[in-house]
C-alpha atoms as a PDB file:
ATOM      1  CA  MET A   1      -0.063  -0.150   0.262  1.00  0.00           C
ATOM      2  CA  TRP A   2       2.567   2.647   0.966  1.00  0.00           C
ATOM      3  CA  GLU A   3       5.059   1.077  -1.435  1.00  0.00           C
ATOM      4  CA  SER A   4       4.935   4.330  -3.967  1.00  0.00           C
ATOM      5  CA  VAL A   5       5.525   6.867  -1.199  1.00  0.00           C
ATOM      6  CA  LYS A   6       9.002   8.416  -1.783  1.00  0.00           C
ATOM      7  CA  TYR A   7      10.979  10.892  -0.058  1.00  0.00           C
ATOM      8  CA  ASP A   8      11.007  14.681  -0.880  1.00  0.00           C
ATOM      9  CA  ALA A   9      12.787  16.995   1.466  1.00  0.00           C
ATOM     10  CA  ASP A  10      10.593  19.801  -0.684  1.00  0.00           C
ATOM     11  CA  SER A  11       7.587  18.484  -0.510  1.00  0.00           C
ATOM     12  CA  TYR A  12       7.002  15.302   1.243  1.00  0.00           C
ATOM     13  CA  CYS A  13       8.376  14.217   3.627  1.00  0.00           C
ATOM     14  CA  CYS A  14       8.403  11.779   7.636  1.00  0.00           C
ATOM     15  CA  GLU A  15       6.044  14.701   8.886  1.00  0.00           C
ATOM     16  CA  HIS A  16       3.992  14.511   6.169  1.00  0.00           C
ATOM     17  CA  PHE A  17       3.824  10.501   5.974  1.00  0.00           C
ATOM     18  CA  LEU A  18       2.986  10.545   9.946  1.00  0.00           C
ATOM     19  CA  VAL A  19      -0.362  12.529   8.786  1.00  0.00           C
ATOM     20  CA  ASP A  20      -1.126  10.371   5.524  1.00  0.00           C
ATOM     21  CA  ALA A  21      -0.949   7.132   8.135  1.00  0.00           C
ATOM     22  CA  TYR A  22      -2.738   8.089  10.745  1.00  0.00           C
ATOM     23  CA  ARG A  23      -5.271   9.316   8.988  1.00  0.00           C
ATOM     24  CA  HIS A  24      -5.098   6.038   6.917  1.00  0.00           C
ATOM     25  CA  TYR A  25      -5.383   4.301   9.996  1.00  0.00           C
ATOM     26  CA  THR A  26      -7.600   6.329  12.076  1.00  0.00           C
ATOM     27  CA  ASP A  27      -9.652   8.420  10.237  1.00  0.00           C
ATOM     28  CA  ILE A  28      -8.085  11.361  11.916  1.00  0.00           C
ATOM     29  CA  ASP A  29      -6.580  14.143  10.348  1.00  0.00           C
ATOM     30  CA  LEU A  30      -3.476  15.482  12.430  1.00  0.00           C
ATOM     31  CA  THR A  31      -3.059  18.238  10.230  1.00  0.00           C
ATOM     32  CA  PRO A  32      -3.725  20.906  12.288  1.00  0.00           C
ATOM     33  CA  LYS A  33      -2.376  19.561  15.162  1.00  0.00           C
ATOM     34  CA  LEU A  34       0.890  19.156  14.382  1.00  0.00           C
ATOM     35  CA  LEU A  35       2.213  21.270  10.594  1.00  0.00           C
ATOM     36  CA  THR A  36       2.955  24.769  10.705  1.00  0.00           C
ATOM     37  CA  ARG A  37       2.504  26.578   7.410  1.00  0.00           C
ATOM     38  CA  GLY A  38       2.900  22.961   5.860  1.00  0.00           C
ATOM     39  CA  PHE A  39       5.766  21.376   7.607  1.00  0.00           C
ATOM     40  CA  PHE A  40       6.774  19.992  11.623  1.00  0.00           C
ATOM     41  CA  ASN A  41       7.024  21.959  14.460  1.00  0.00           C
ATOM     42  CA  VAL A  42       8.750  20.342  17.471  1.00  0.00           C
ATOM     43  CA  ARG A  43       6.726  22.606  19.688  1.00  0.00           C
ATOM     44  CA  ASN A  44       3.006  21.375  18.241  1.00  0.00           C
ATOM     45  CA  LEU A  45       3.850  18.484  20.400  1.00  0.00           C
ATOM     46  CA  ARG A  46       2.097  20.568  23.121  1.00  0.00           C
ATOM     47  CA  ASN A  47      -0.692  19.435  21.372  1.00  0.00           C
ATOM     48  CA  PHE A  48      -0.174  15.773  22.237  1.00  0.00           C
ATOM     49  CA  LYS A  49      -0.211  13.908  25.382  1.00  0.00           C
ATOM     50  CA  GLN A  50       3.738  12.607  26.243  1.00  0.00           C
ATOM     51  CA  VAL A  51       3.229   9.051  27.051  1.00  0.00           C
ATOM     52  CA  SER A  52       5.938   6.123  28.829  1.00  0.00           C
ATOM     53  CA  GLU A  53       5.554   3.497  26.722  1.00  0.00           C
ATOM     54  CA  PRO A  54       3.844   3.070  23.079  1.00  0.00           C
ATOM     55  CA  ARG A  55       0.525   1.866  22.161  1.00  0.00           C
ATOM     56  CA  GLN A  56      -1.380   1.216  18.777  1.00  0.00           C
ATOM     57  CA  TYR A  57      -0.882   4.289  16.199  1.00  0.00           C
ATOM     58  CA  THR A  58       1.504   6.216  19.268  1.00  0.00           C
ATOM     59  CA  ILE A  59       3.798   9.272  17.089  1.00  0.00           C
ATOM     60  CA  VAL A  60       7.341   8.268  17.916  1.00  0.00           C
ATOM     61  CA  LEU A  61       9.609  11.350  17.659  1.00  0.00           C
ATOM     62  CA  LEU A  62      13.466  10.396  17.422  1.00  0.00           C
ATOM     63  CA  ARG A  63      15.854  13.249  18.477  1.00  0.00           C
ATOM     64  CA  SER A  64      19.489  13.969  18.493  1.00  0.00           C
ATOM     65  CA  ARG A  65      21.592  17.364  18.459  1.00  0.00           C
ATOM     66  CA  GLY A  66      19.868  19.205  15.054  1.00  0.00           C
ATOM     67  CA  LYS A  67      17.625  16.621  13.784  1.00  0.00           C
ATOM     68  CA  ALA A  68      14.621  15.035  14.046  1.00  0.00           C
ATOM     69  CA  HIS A  69      12.199  11.971  12.034  1.00  0.00           C
ATOM     70  CA  VAL A  70       8.811  10.640  12.906  1.00  0.00           C
ATOM     71  CA  GLY A  71       6.868   8.290  12.929  1.00  0.00           C
ATOM     72  CA  LEU A  72       3.719   6.001  13.462  1.00  0.00           C
ATOM     73  CA  TRP A  73       3.842   2.748  15.979  1.00  0.00           C
ATOM     74  CA  VAL A  74       2.156   0.262  14.214  1.00  0.00           C
ATOM     75  CA  ASN A  75       1.645  -3.502  15.139  1.00  0.00           C
ATOM     76  CA  GLY A  76       4.921  -3.332  17.504  1.00  0.00           C
ATOM     77  CA  ARG A  77       6.743  -1.462  14.904  1.00  0.00           C
ATOM     78  CA  VAL A  78       7.515   2.040  13.899  1.00  0.00           C
ATOM     79  CA  LEU A  79       6.059   2.506  10.164  1.00  0.00           C
ATOM     80  CA  HIS A  80       7.934   5.654   9.019  1.00  0.00           C
ATOM     81  CA  LEU A  81       9.588   7.482   5.726  1.00  0.00           C
ATOM     82  CA  ASP A  82      13.363   7.380   4.974  1.00  0.00           C
ATOM     83  CA  ASN A  83      15.291   9.106   2.593  1.00  0.00           C
ATOM     84  CA  LYS A  84      15.029   5.012   0.858  1.00  0.00           C
ATOM     85  CA  GLY A  85      10.594   5.157   1.016  1.00  0.00           C
ATOM     86  CA  VAL A  86       8.135   3.472   3.404  1.00  0.00           C
ATOM     87  CA  VAL A  87      10.015   1.360   6.136  1.00  0.00           C
ATOM     88  CA  TRP A  88       8.400  -0.550   9.061  1.00  0.00           C
ATOM     89  CA  GLN A  89      11.126  -1.698  10.989  1.00  0.00           C
ATOM     90  CA  SER A  90      11.677  -2.286  15.097  1.00  0.00           C
ATOM     91  CA  LEU A  91      12.613   1.019  17.144  1.00  0.00           C
ATOM     92  CA  ASP A  92      16.226  -0.964  17.989  1.00  0.00           C
ATOM     93  CA  ILE A  93      16.554  -0.271  14.432  1.00  0.00           C
ATOM     94  CA  VAL A  94      14.821   3.016  14.053  1.00  0.00           C
ATOM     95  CA  LYS A  95      16.331   4.738  16.497  1.00  0.00           C
ATOM     96  CA  GLN A  96      20.246   4.009  15.312  1.00  0.00           C
ATOM     97  CA  GLY A  97      21.664   7.692  15.374  1.00  0.00           C
ATOM     98  CA  PHE A  98      19.101   9.013  17.554  1.00  0.00           C
ATOM     99  CA  GLU A  99      19.945  10.533  21.263  1.00  0.00           C
ATOM    100  CA  ARG A 100      16.361  10.375  22.729  1.00  0.00           C
ATOM    101  CA  VAL A 101      13.099   8.707  21.467  1.00  0.00           C
ATOM    102  CA  LEU A 102       9.876  10.031  22.875  1.00  0.00           C
ATOM    103  CA  PHE A 103       5.697   9.103  22.204  1.00  0.00           C
ATOM    104  CA  TYR A 104       2.923  11.147  21.539  1.00  0.00           C
ATOM    105  CA  GLU A 105      -0.506   9.975  21.228  1.00  0.00           C
ATOM    106  CA  ILE A 106      -3.697  12.807  20.338  1.00  0.00           C
ATOM    107  CA  VAL A 107      -5.437  14.178  23.584  1.00  0.00           C
END
């Protein structure tokens, strides 16, 4: 289903994919709560509740100095968009190269 989705830093990246995937699985559009002028802003996560453990459709935020990445927790793995396209990986694999992992749920 997600095979044709490709990363393009100028027009479609991980945060856009997160919005699309969340809408696909839940019928809820995160755009007004998550994106500012079409792009992700970490400050918008104030619109969500931080949780200690992920559950189905929890937002996964990966951070490290100067970079952030987001994905969606689906069936015990992280569904996300990297520069090769859509991938569904274990959390251990996804968090390589990141210092912190945070989980958020819609309020």
